[in-house]
Amino acid sequence: MDITPRQLQLGRFWKKYLRLTRAGVPTLGALDIIAREEKAPEFQAVIQAMQSALAEGNLLSEVMGEHPELFSLSAIELVRTAEKGGQWDIVVEELADGYLEGTFD
């Protein structure tokens, strides 16, 4: 199955986020690193906006919901589930794999 450039971009984002946070980097630090390494200015701006909103105390699912052009309802719901249940590694891995396999739009 062919994946779109956006799916590839999001798959890579979630893979990098997973690897950084698994290694112990806090979420805000991980987003800072990912934003600084991101080459696409539009996506970099979204990551920075997400980082700012999280620093203000918003939930990740809420922040993602502010960018429906980028994050699908399925992705937002998976994150919301992780926020409630705490299975971050599993959810983030599912997100990364889902985008890279073309499951998520």
PDB file of N, CA and C in Angstrom:
ATOM      1  N   MET A   1       0.829  -1.170   0.000  1.00  0.00           N
ATOM      2  CA  MET A   1       0.000   0.000   0.000  1.00  0.00           C
ATOM      3  C   MET A   1       0.881   1.244   0.000  1.00  0.00           C
ATOM      4  N   ASP A   2       0.569   2.195  -0.865  1.00  0.00           N
ATOM      5  CA  ASP A   2       1.306   3.448  -0.920  1.00  0.00           C
ATOM      6  C   ASP A   2       0.840   4.367   0.194  1.00  0.00           C
ATOM      7  N   ILE A   3       1.795   5.069   0.774  1.00  0.00           N
ATOM      8  CA  ILE A   3       1.430   6.040   1.799  1.00  0.00           C
ATOM      9  C   ILE A   3       1.732   7.440   1.266  1.00  0.00           C
ATOM     10  N   THR A   4       0.995   8.401   1.761  1.00  0.00           N
ATOM     11  CA  THR A   4       1.159   9.776   1.322  1.00  0.00           C
ATOM     12  C   THR A   4       2.355  10.412   2.036  1.00  0.00           C
ATOM     13  N   PRO A   5       2.859  11.517   1.494  1.00  0.00           N
ATOM     14  CA  PRO A   5       3.946  12.218   2.201  1.00  0.00           C
ATOM     15  C   PRO A   5       3.536  12.642   3.619  1.00  0.00           C
ATOM     16  N   ARG A   6       2.278  13.019   3.810  1.00  0.00           N
ATOM     17  CA  ARG A   6       1.814  13.411   5.147  1.00  0.00           C
ATOM     18  C   ARG A   6       1.833  12.224   6.095  1.00  0.00           C
ATOM     19  N   GLN A   7       1.390  11.046   5.615  1.00  0.00           N
ATOM     20  CA  GLN A   7       1.419   9.848   6.457  1.00  0.00           C
ATOM     21  C   GLN A   7       2.857   9.506   6.839  1.00  0.00           C
ATOM     22  N   LEU A   8       3.765   9.626   5.899  1.00  0.00           N
ATOM     23  CA  LEU A   8       5.177   9.360   6.178  1.00  0.00           C
ATOM     24  C   LEU A   8       5.704  10.356   7.212  1.00  0.00           C
ATOM     25  N   GLN A   9       5.348  11.621   7.039  1.00  0.00           N
ATOM     26  CA  GLN A   9       5.775  12.660   7.969  1.00  0.00           C
ATOM     27  C   GLN A   9       5.262  12.381   9.380  1.00  0.00           C
ATOM     28  N   LEU A  10       3.984  12.030   9.492  1.00  0.00           N
ATOM     29  CA  LEU A  10       3.405  11.742  10.804  1.00  0.00           C
ATOM     30  C   LEU A  10       3.941  10.441  11.390  1.00  0.00           C
ATOM     31  N   GLY A  11       4.161   9.443  10.555  1.00  0.00           N
ATOM     32  CA  GLY A  11       4.751   8.197  11.035  1.00  0.00           C
ATOM     33  C   GLY A  11       6.130   8.420  11.624  1.00  0.00           C
ATOM     34  N   ARG A  12       6.921   9.202  10.923  1.00  0.00           N
ATOM     35  CA  ARG A  12       8.262   9.519  11.422  1.00  0.00           C
ATOM     36  C   ARG A  12       8.200  10.346  12.704  1.00  0.00           C
ATOM     37  N   PHE A  13       7.247  11.296  12.756  1.00  0.00           N
ATOM     38  CA  PHE A  13       7.064  12.109  13.957  1.00  0.00           C
ATOM     39  C   PHE A  13       6.797  11.211  15.167  1.00  0.00           C
ATOM     40  N   TRP A  14       5.833  10.296  15.043  1.00  0.00           N
ATOM     41  CA  TRP A  14       5.474   9.449  16.178  1.00  0.00           C
ATOM     42  C   TRP A  14       6.584   8.466  16.523  1.00  0.00           C
ATOM     43  N   LYS A  15       7.321   7.954  15.520  1.00  0.00           N
ATOM     44  CA  LYS A  15       8.450   7.049  15.803  1.00  0.00           C
ATOM     45  C   LYS A  15       9.518   7.790  16.606  1.00  0.00           C
ATOM     46  N   LYS A  16       9.822   9.016  16.169  1.00  0.00           N
ATOM     47  CA  LYS A  16      10.845   9.795  16.870  1.00  0.00           C
ATOM     48  C   LYS A  16      10.374  10.140  18.283  1.00  0.00           C
ATOM     49  N   TYR A  17       9.106  10.544  18.399  1.00  0.00           N
ATOM     50  CA  TYR A  17       8.539  10.852  19.714  1.00  0.00           C
ATOM     51  C   TYR A  17       8.642   9.624  20.627  1.00  0.00           C
ATOM     52  N   LEU A  18       8.275   8.460  20.114  1.00  0.00           N
ATOM     53  CA  LEU A  18       8.330   7.224  20.894  1.00  0.00           C
ATOM     54  C   LEU A  18       9.756   6.932  21.356  1.00  0.00           C
ATOM     55  N   ARG A  19      10.702   7.025  20.456  1.00  0.00           N
ATOM     56  CA  ARG A  19      12.081   6.697  20.811  1.00  0.00           C
ATOM     57  C   ARG A  19      12.642   7.672  21.849  1.00  0.00           C
ATOM     58  N   LEU A  20      12.333   8.941  21.683  1.00  0.00           N
ATOM     59  CA  LEU A  20      12.825   9.931  22.645  1.00  0.00           C
ATOM     60  C   LEU A  20      12.199   9.734  24.019  1.00  0.00           C
ATOM     61  N   THR A  21      10.893   9.567  24.058  1.00  0.00           N
ATOM     62  CA  THR A  21      10.231   9.431  25.362  1.00  0.00           C
ATOM     63  C   THR A  21      10.554   8.097  26.025  1.00  0.00           C
ATOM     64  N   ARG A  22      10.708   7.045  25.253  1.00  0.00           N
ATOM     65  CA  ARG A  22      11.121   5.756  25.836  1.00  0.00           C
ATOM     66  C   ARG A  22      12.489   5.867  26.495  1.00  0.00           C
ATOM     67  N   ALA A  23      13.326   6.733  25.939  1.00  0.00           N
ATOM     68  CA  ALA A  23      14.668   6.920  26.487  1.00  0.00           C
ATOM     69  C   ALA A  23      14.669   7.843  27.696  1.00  0.00           C
ATOM     70  N   GLY A  24      13.487   8.398  28.029  1.00  0.00           N
ATOM     71  CA  GLY A  24      13.375   9.229  29.217  1.00  0.00           C
ATOM     72  C   GLY A  24      13.289  10.720  28.964  1.00  0.00           C
ATOM     73  N   VAL A  25      13.281  11.123  27.697  1.00  0.00           N
ATOM     74  CA  VAL A  25      13.144  12.550  27.404  1.00  0.00           C
ATOM     75  C   VAL A  25      11.698  12.952  27.678  1.00  0.00           C
ATOM     76  N   PRO A  26      11.466  13.989  28.478  1.00  0.00           N
ATOM     77  CA  PRO A  26      10.087  14.432  28.743  1.00  0.00           C
ATOM     78  C   PRO A  26       9.415  14.914  27.448  1.00  0.00           C
ATOM     79  N   THR A  27       8.099  14.886  27.437  1.00  0.00           N
ATOM     80  CA  THR A  27       7.335  15.236  26.238  1.00  0.00           C
ATOM     81  C   THR A  27       7.723  16.595  25.671  1.00  0.00           C
ATOM     82  N   LEU A  28       7.795  17.625  26.507  1.00  0.00           N
ATOM     83  CA  LEU A  28       8.127  18.960  25.999  1.00  0.00           C
ATOM     84  C   LEU A  28       9.525  18.993  25.387  1.00  0.00           C
ATOM     85  N   GLY A  29      10.438  18.293  26.001  1.00  0.00           N
ATOM     86  CA  GLY A  29      11.790  18.209  25.447  1.00  0.00           C
ATOM     87  C   GLY A  29      11.818  17.446  24.135  1.00  0.00           C
ATOM     88  N   ALA A  30      11.045  16.365  24.071  1.00  0.00           N
ATOM     89  CA  ALA A  30      10.978  15.588  22.834  1.00  0.00           C
ATOM     90  C   ALA A  30      10.408  16.429  21.698  1.00  0.00           C
ATOM     91  N   LEU A  31       9.347  17.176  21.990  1.00  0.00           N
ATOM     92  CA  LEU A  31       8.750  18.024  20.953  1.00  0.00           C
ATOM     93  C   LEU A  31       9.711  19.131  20.526  1.00  0.00           C
ATOM     94  N   ASP A  32      10.469  19.657  21.455  1.00  0.00           N
ATOM     95  CA  ASP A  32      11.463  20.678  21.113  1.00  0.00           C
ATOM     96  C   ASP A  32      12.509  20.110  20.158  1.00  0.00           C
ATOM     97  N   ILE A  33      13.002  18.936  20.457  1.00  0.00           N
ATOM     98  CA  ILE A  33      14.002  18.294  19.601  1.00  0.00           C
ATOM     99  C   ILE A  33      13.418  18.004  18.220  1.00  0.00           C
ATOM    100  N   ILE A  34      12.221  17.434  18.201  1.00  0.00           N
ATOM    101  CA  ILE A  34      11.591  17.091  16.924  1.00  0.00           C
ATOM    102  C   ILE A  34      11.360  18.355  16.100  1.00  0.00           C
ATOM    103  N   ALA A  35      10.895  19.422  16.728  1.00  0.00           N
ATOM    104  CA  ALA A  35      10.658  20.675  16.001  1.00  0.00           C
ATOM    105  C   ALA A  35      11.953  21.232  15.427  1.00  0.00           C
ATOM    106  N   ARG A  36      13.016  21.190  16.213  1.00  0.00           N
ATOM    107  CA  ARG A  36      14.292  21.720  15.723  1.00  0.00           C
ATOM    108  C   ARG A  36      14.861  20.891  14.582  1.00  0.00           C
ATOM    109  N   GLU A  37      14.555  19.600  14.562  1.00  0.00           N
ATOM    110  CA  GLU A  37      15.060  18.734  13.489  1.00  0.00           C
ATOM    111  C   GLU A  37      14.144  18.706  12.267  1.00  0.00           C
ATOM    112  N   GLU A  38      12.919  19.173  12.411  1.00  0.00           N
ATOM    113  CA  GLU A  38      11.945  19.129  11.308  1.00  0.00           C
ATOM    114  C   GLU A  38      12.349  20.104  10.205  1.00  0.00           C
ATOM    115  N   LYS A  39      12.306  19.614   8.969  1.00  0.00           N
ATOM    116  CA  LYS A  39      12.725  20.417   7.821  1.00  0.00           C
ATOM    117  C   LYS A  39      11.563  21.172   7.172  1.00  0.00           C
ATOM    118  N   ALA A  40      10.334  20.659   7.301  1.00  0.00           N
ATOM    119  CA  ALA A  40       9.170  21.316   6.707  1.00  0.00           C
ATOM    120  C   ALA A  40       8.694  22.431   7.632  1.00  0.00           C
ATOM    121  N   PRO A  41       8.768  23.693   7.205  1.00  0.00           N
ATOM    122  CA  PRO A  41       8.413  24.811   8.080  1.00  0.00           C
ATOM    123  C   PRO A  41       6.986  24.752   8.620  1.00  0.00           C
ATOM    124  N   GLU A  42       6.029  24.306   7.807  1.00  0.00           N
ATOM    125  CA  GLU A  42       4.641  24.249   8.262  1.00  0.00           C
ATOM    126  C   GLU A  42       4.476  23.242   9.392  1.00  0.00           C
ATOM    127  N   PHE A  43       5.086  22.075   9.234  1.00  0.00           N
ATOM    128  CA  PHE A  43       4.984  21.041  10.259  1.00  0.00           C
ATOM    129  C   PHE A  43       5.762  21.457  11.505  1.00  0.00           C
ATOM    130  N   GLN A  44       6.889  22.107  11.308  1.00  0.00           N
ATOM    131  CA  GLN A  44       7.670  22.612  12.430  1.00  0.00           C
ATOM    132  C   GLN A  44       6.835  23.590  13.254  1.00  0.00           C
ATOM    133  N   ALA A  45       6.083  24.460  12.589  1.00  0.00           N
ATOM    134  CA  ALA A  45       5.240  25.432  13.284  1.00  0.00           C
ATOM    135  C   ALA A  45       4.147  24.735  14.090  1.00  0.00           C
ATOM    136  N   VAL A  46       3.573  23.660  13.547  1.00  0.00           N
ATOM    137  CA  VAL A  46       2.542  22.903  14.273  1.00  0.00           C
ATOM    138  C   VAL A  46       3.143  22.258  15.515  1.00  0.00           C
ATOM    139  N   ILE A  47       4.308  21.664  15.378  1.00  0.00           N
ATOM    140  CA  ILE A  47       4.967  21.017  16.523  1.00  0.00           C
ATOM    141  C   ILE A  47       5.270  22.054  17.611  1.00  0.00           C
ATOM    142  N   GLN A  48       5.737  23.214  17.210  1.00  0.00           N
ATOM    143  CA  GLN A  48       6.026  24.272  18.182  1.00  0.00           C
ATOM    144  C   GLN A  48       4.745  24.763  18.860  1.00  0.00           C
ATOM    145  N   ALA A  49       3.658  24.872  18.101  1.00  0.00           N
ATOM    146  CA  ALA A  49       2.372  25.265  18.694  1.00  0.00           C
ATOM    147  C   ALA A  49       1.895  24.207  19.676  1.00  0.00           C
ATOM    148  N   MET A  50       2.091  22.943  19.335  1.00  0.00           N
ATOM    149  CA  MET A  50       1.721  21.853  20.237  1.00  0.00           C
ATOM    150  C   MET A  50       2.529  21.951  21.530  1.00  0.00           C
ATOM    151  N   GLN A  51       3.805  22.187  21.394  1.00  0.00           N
ATOM    152  CA  GLN A  51       4.683  22.297  22.557  1.00  0.00           C
ATOM    153  C   GLN A  51       4.226  23.435  23.465  1.00  0.00           C
ATOM    154  N   SER A  52       3.903  24.576  22.886  1.00  0.00           N
ATOM    155  CA  SER A  52       3.451  25.734  23.675  1.00  0.00           C
ATOM    156  C   SER A  52       2.141  25.435  24.402  1.00  0.00           C
ATOM    157  N   ALA A  53       1.198  24.809  23.694  1.00  0.00           N
ATOM    158  CA  ALA A  53      -0.098  24.487  24.297  1.00  0.00           C
ATOM    159  C   ALA A  53       0.057  23.473  25.423  1.00  0.00           C
ATOM    160  N   LEU A  54       0.937  22.510  25.260  1.00  0.00           N
ATOM    161  CA  LEU A  54       1.183  21.536  26.323  1.00  0.00           C
ATOM    162  C   LEU A  54       1.830  22.209  27.525  1.00  0.00           C
ATOM    163  N   ALA A  55       2.731  23.136  27.275  1.00  0.00           N
ATOM    164  CA  ALA A  55       3.385  23.857  28.372  1.00  0.00           C
ATOM    165  C   ALA A  55       2.381  24.676  29.178  1.00  0.00           C
ATOM    166  N   GLU A  56       1.282  25.055  28.536  1.00  0.00           N
ATOM    167  CA  GLU A  56       0.223  25.806  29.213  1.00  0.00           C
ATOM    168  C   GLU A  56      -0.741  24.894  29.968  1.00  0.00           C
ATOM    169  N   GLY A  57      -0.527  23.580  29.883  1.00  0.00           N
ATOM    170  CA  GLY A  57      -1.339  22.648  30.649  1.00  0.00           C
ATOM    171  C   GLY A  57      -2.418  21.915  29.872  1.00  0.00           C
ATOM    172  N   ASN A  58      -2.473  22.096  28.565  1.00  0.00           N
ATOM    173  CA  ASN A  58      -3.457  21.382  27.752  1.00  0.00           C
ATOM    174  C   ASN A  58      -3.049  19.933  27.563  1.00  0.00           C
ATOM    175  N   LEU A  59      -4.033  19.074  27.355  1.00  0.00           N
ATOM    176  CA  LEU A  59      -3.768  17.669  27.060  1.00  0.00           C
ATOM    177  C   LEU A  59      -3.335  17.522  25.607  1.00  0.00           C
ATOM    178  N   LEU A  60      -2.531  16.508  25.336  1.00  0.00           N
ATOM    179  CA  LEU A  60      -2.056  16.272  23.974  1.00  0.00           C
ATOM    180  C   LEU A  60      -3.225  16.049  23.012  1.00  0.00           C
ATOM    181  N   SER A  61      -4.243  15.311  23.435  1.00  0.00           N
ATOM    182  CA  SER A  61      -5.398  15.065  22.563  1.00  0.00           C
ATOM    183  C   SER A  61      -6.104  16.375  22.214  1.00  0.00           C
ATOM    184  N   GLU A  62      -6.181  17.304  23.169  1.00  0.00           N
ATOM    185  CA  GLU A  62      -6.796  18.608  22.913  1.00  0.00           C
ATOM    186  C   GLU A  62      -5.973  19.396  21.903  1.00  0.00           C
ATOM    187  N   VAL A  63      -4.673  19.356  22.086  1.00  0.00           N
ATOM    188  CA  VAL A  63      -3.771  20.081  21.201  1.00  0.00           C
ATOM    189  C   VAL A  63      -3.846  19.517  19.781  1.00  0.00           C
ATOM    190  N   MET A  64      -3.878  18.202  19.682  1.00  0.00           N
ATOM    191  CA  MET A  64      -4.003  17.572  18.365  1.00  0.00           C
ATOM    192  C   MET A  64      -5.323  17.956  17.704  1.00  0.00           C
ATOM    193  N   GLY A  65      -6.377  18.055  18.499  1.00  0.00           N
ATOM    194  CA  GLY A  65      -7.686  18.426  17.981  1.00  0.00           C
ATOM    195  C   GLY A  65      -7.720  19.816  17.375  1.00  0.00           C
ATOM    196  N   GLU A  66      -6.767  20.654  17.736  1.00  0.00           N
ATOM    197  CA  GLU A  66      -6.669  21.992  17.163  1.00  0.00           C
ATOM    198  C   GLU A  66      -6.053  21.965  15.759  1.00  0.00           C
ATOM    199  N   HIS A  67      -5.602  20.791  15.329  1.00  0.00           N
ATOM    200  CA  HIS A  67      -4.964  20.646  14.016  1.00  0.00           C
ATOM    201  C   HIS A  67      -5.601  19.482  13.247  1.00  0.00           C
ATOM    202  N   PRO A  68      -6.917  19.596  12.960  1.00  0.00           N
ATOM    203  CA  PRO A  68      -7.618  18.486  12.295  1.00  0.00           C
ATOM    204  C   PRO A  68      -7.132  18.221  10.873  1.00  0.00           C
ATOM    205  N   GLU A  69      -6.456  19.193  10.289  1.00  0.00           N
ATOM    206  CA  GLU A  69      -5.901  18.983   8.956  1.00  0.00           C
ATOM    207  C   GLU A  69      -4.728  18.019   8.992  1.00  0.00           C
ATOM    208  N   LEU A  70      -4.205  17.796  10.181  1.00  0.00           N
ATOM    209  CA  LEU A  70      -3.034  16.942  10.337  1.00  0.00           C
ATOM    210  C   LEU A  70      -3.340  15.654  11.098  1.00  0.00           C
ATOM    211  N   PHE A  71      -4.130  15.757  12.160  1.00  0.00           N
ATOM    212  CA  PHE A  71      -4.381  14.604  13.019  1.00  0.00           C
ATOM    213  C   PHE A  71      -5.814  14.121  12.843  1.00  0.00           C
ATOM    214  N   SER A  72      -5.961  12.859  12.500  1.00  0.00           N
ATOM    215  CA  SER A  72      -7.285  12.270  12.285  1.00  0.00           C
ATOM    216  C   SER A  72      -8.001  12.044  13.612  1.00  0.00           C
ATOM    217  N   LEU A  73      -9.305  11.840  13.520  1.00  0.00           N
ATOM    218  CA  LEU A  73     -10.091  11.524  14.716  1.00  0.00           C
ATOM    219  C   LEU A  73      -9.589  10.244  15.376  1.00  0.00           C
ATOM    220  N   SER A  74      -9.189   9.281  14.565  1.00  0.00           N
ATOM    221  CA  SER A  74      -8.666   8.018  15.107  1.00  0.00           C
ATOM    222  C   SER A  74      -7.408   8.257  15.944  1.00  0.00           C
ATOM    223  N   ALA A  75      -6.507   9.072  15.431  1.00  0.00           N
ATOM    224  CA  ALA A  75      -5.269   9.361  16.150  1.00  0.00           C
ATOM    225  C   ALA A  75      -5.550  10.101  17.450  1.00  0.00           C
ATOM    226  N   ILE A  76      -6.456  11.074  17.386  1.00  0.00           N
ATOM    227  CA  ILE A  76      -6.803  11.840  18.584  1.00  0.00           C
ATOM    228  C   ILE A  76      -7.433  10.935  19.638  1.00  0.00           C
ATOM    229  N   GLU A  77      -8.289  10.028  19.201  1.00  0.00           N
ATOM    230  CA  GLU A  77      -8.949   9.125  20.150  1.00  0.00           C
ATOM    231  C   GLU A  77      -7.950   8.155  20.778  1.00  0.00           C
ATOM    232  N   LEU A  78      -6.990   7.683  20.011  1.00  0.00           N
ATOM    233  CA  LEU A  78      -5.953   6.810  20.578  1.00  0.00           C
ATOM    234  C   LEU A  78      -5.177   7.550  21.666  1.00  0.00           C
ATOM    235  N   VAL A  79      -4.830   8.790  21.404  1.00  0.00           N
ATOM    236  CA  VAL A  79      -4.090   9.573  22.391  1.00  0.00           C
ATOM    237  C   VAL A  79      -4.958   9.827  23.614  1.00  0.00           C
ATOM    238  N   ARG A  80      -6.228  10.136  23.401  1.00  0.00           N
ATOM    239  CA  ARG A  80      -7.148  10.357  24.526  1.00  0.00           C
ATOM    240  C   ARG A  80      -7.219   9.100  25.397  1.00  0.00           C
ATOM    241  N   THR A  81      -7.244   7.950  24.772  1.00  0.00           N
ATOM    242  CA  THR A  81      -7.280   6.680  25.494  1.00  0.00           C
ATOM    243  C   THR A  81      -6.004   6.504  26.322  1.00  0.00           C
ATOM    244  N   ALA A  82      -4.868   6.848  25.739  1.00  0.00           N
ATOM    245  CA  ALA A  82      -3.602   6.739  26.471  1.00  0.00           C
ATOM    246  C   ALA A  82      -3.568   7.699  27.649  1.00  0.00           C
ATOM    247  N   GLU A  83      -4.130   8.882  27.471  1.00  0.00           N
ATOM    248  CA  GLU A  83      -4.168   9.849  28.564  1.00  0.00           C
ATOM    249  C   GLU A  83      -4.972   9.312  29.743  1.00  0.00           C
ATOM    250  N   LYS A  84      -5.989   8.540  29.449  1.00  0.00           N
ATOM    251  CA  LYS A  84      -6.827   7.968  30.508  1.00  0.00           C
ATOM    252  C   LYS A  84      -6.224   6.694  31.082  1.00  0.00           C
ATOM    253  N   GLY A  85      -5.628   5.872  30.219  1.00  0.00           N
ATOM    254  CA  GLY A  85      -5.170   4.556  30.647  1.00  0.00           C
ATOM    255  C   GLY A  85      -3.682   4.414  30.844  1.00  0.00           C
ATOM    256  N   GLY A  86      -2.903   5.351  30.333  1.00  0.00           N
ATOM    257  CA  GLY A  86      -1.473   5.332  30.566  1.00  0.00           C
ATOM    258  C   GLY A  86      -0.648   4.364  29.741  1.00  0.00           C
ATOM    259  N   GLN A  87      -1.174   3.805  28.693  1.00  0.00           N
ATOM    260  CA  GLN A  87      -0.406   2.870  27.857  1.00  0.00           C
ATOM    261  C   GLN A  87       0.237   3.609  26.689  1.00  0.00           C
ATOM    262  N   TRP A  88       1.056   4.605  27.018  1.00  0.00           N
ATOM    263  CA  TRP A  88       1.630   5.493  26.017  1.00  0.00           C
ATOM    264  C   TRP A  88       2.463   4.766  24.982  1.00  0.00           C
ATOM    265  N   ASP A  89       3.360   3.889  25.423  1.00  0.00           N
ATOM    266  CA  ASP A  89       4.234   3.202  24.474  1.00  0.00           C
ATOM    267  C   ASP A  89       3.429   2.440  23.425  1.00  0.00           C
ATOM    268  N   ILE A  90       2.421   1.745  23.875  1.00  0.00           N
ATOM    269  CA  ILE A  90       1.596   0.954  22.950  1.00  0.00           C
ATOM    270  C   ILE A  90       0.862   1.865  21.980  1.00  0.00           C
ATOM    271  N   VAL A  91       0.256   2.925  22.493  1.00  0.00           N
ATOM    272  CA  VAL A  91      -0.528   3.831  21.652  1.00  0.00           C
ATOM    273  C   VAL A  91       0.357   4.556  20.647  1.00  0.00           C
ATOM    274  N   VAL A  92       1.474   5.076  21.099  1.00  0.00           N
ATOM    275  CA  VAL A  92       2.348   5.816  20.194  1.00  0.00           C
ATOM    276  C   VAL A  92       2.926   4.893  19.130  1.00  0.00           C
ATOM    277  N   GLU A  93       3.254   3.681  19.505  1.00  0.00           N
ATOM    278  CA  GLU A  93       3.738   2.713  18.518  1.00  0.00           C
ATOM    279  C   GLU A  93       2.649   2.391  17.495  1.00  0.00           C
ATOM    280  N   GLU A  94       1.417   2.246  17.957  1.00  0.00           N
ATOM    281  CA  GLU A  94       0.287   2.013  17.038  1.00  0.00           C
ATOM    282  C   GLU A  94       0.108   3.191  16.085  1.00  0.00           C
ATOM    283  N   LEU A  95       0.225   4.401  16.602  1.00  0.00           N
ATOM    284  CA  LEU A  95       0.116   5.583  15.752  1.00  0.00           C
ATOM    285  C   LEU A  95       1.205   5.587  14.681  1.00  0.00           C
ATOM    286  N   ALA A  96       2.441   5.394  15.101  1.00  0.00           N
ATOM    287  CA  ALA A  96       3.554   5.398  14.149  1.00  0.00           C
ATOM    288  C   ALA A  96       3.361   4.328  13.088  1.00  0.00           C
ATOM    289  N   ASP A  97       3.082   3.114  13.526  1.00  0.00           N
ATOM    290  CA  ASP A  97       2.896   2.015  12.576  1.00  0.00           C
ATOM    291  C   ASP A  97       1.682   2.253  11.684  1.00  0.00           C
ATOM    292  N   GLY A  98       0.605   2.781  12.272  1.00  0.00           N
ATOM    293  CA  GLY A  98      -0.611   3.037  11.502  1.00  0.00           C
ATOM    294  C   GLY A  98      -0.381   4.024  10.374  1.00  0.00           C
ATOM    295  N   TYR A  99       0.356   5.090  10.657  1.00  0.00           N
ATOM    296  CA  TYR A  99       0.656   6.058   9.599  1.00  0.00           C
ATOM    297  C   TYR A  99       1.595   5.463   8.561  1.00  0.00           C
ATOM    298  N   LEU A 100       2.636   4.758   9.020  1.00  0.00           N
ATOM    299  CA  LEU A 100       3.610   4.217   8.074  1.00  0.00           C
ATOM    300  C   LEU A 100       3.053   3.058   7.249  1.00  0.00           C
ATOM    301  N   GLU A 101       2.005   2.415   7.741  1.00  0.00           N
ATOM    302  CA  GLU A 101       1.341   1.343   6.992  1.00  0.00           C
ATOM    303  C   GLU A 101       0.162   1.854   6.158  1.00  0.00           C
ATOM    304  N   GLY A 102      -0.202   3.115   6.348  1.00  0.00           N
ATOM    305  CA  GLY A 102      -1.310   3.685   5.602  1.00  0.00           C
ATOM    306  C   GLY A 102      -2.681   3.447   6.235  1.00  0.00           C
ATOM    307  N   THR A 103      -2.712   2.973   7.473  1.00  0.00           N
ATOM    308  CA  THR A 103      -3.979   2.730   8.159  1.00  0.00           C
ATOM    309  C   THR A 103      -4.654   4.045   8.532  1.00  0.00           C
ATOM    310  N   PHE A 104      -3.865   5.003   9.015  1.00  0.00           N
ATOM    311  CA  PHE A 104      -4.392   6.305   9.409  1.00  0.00           C
ATOM    312  C   PHE A 104      -4.175   7.310   8.299  1.00  0.00           C
ATOM    313  N   ASP A 105      -5.153   8.172   8.131  1.00  0.00           N
ATOM    314  CA  ASP A 105      -5.039   9.251   7.127  1.00  0.00           C
ATOM    315  C   ASP A 105      -4.446  10.474   7.753  1.00  0.00           C
TER     316      ASP A 105
END
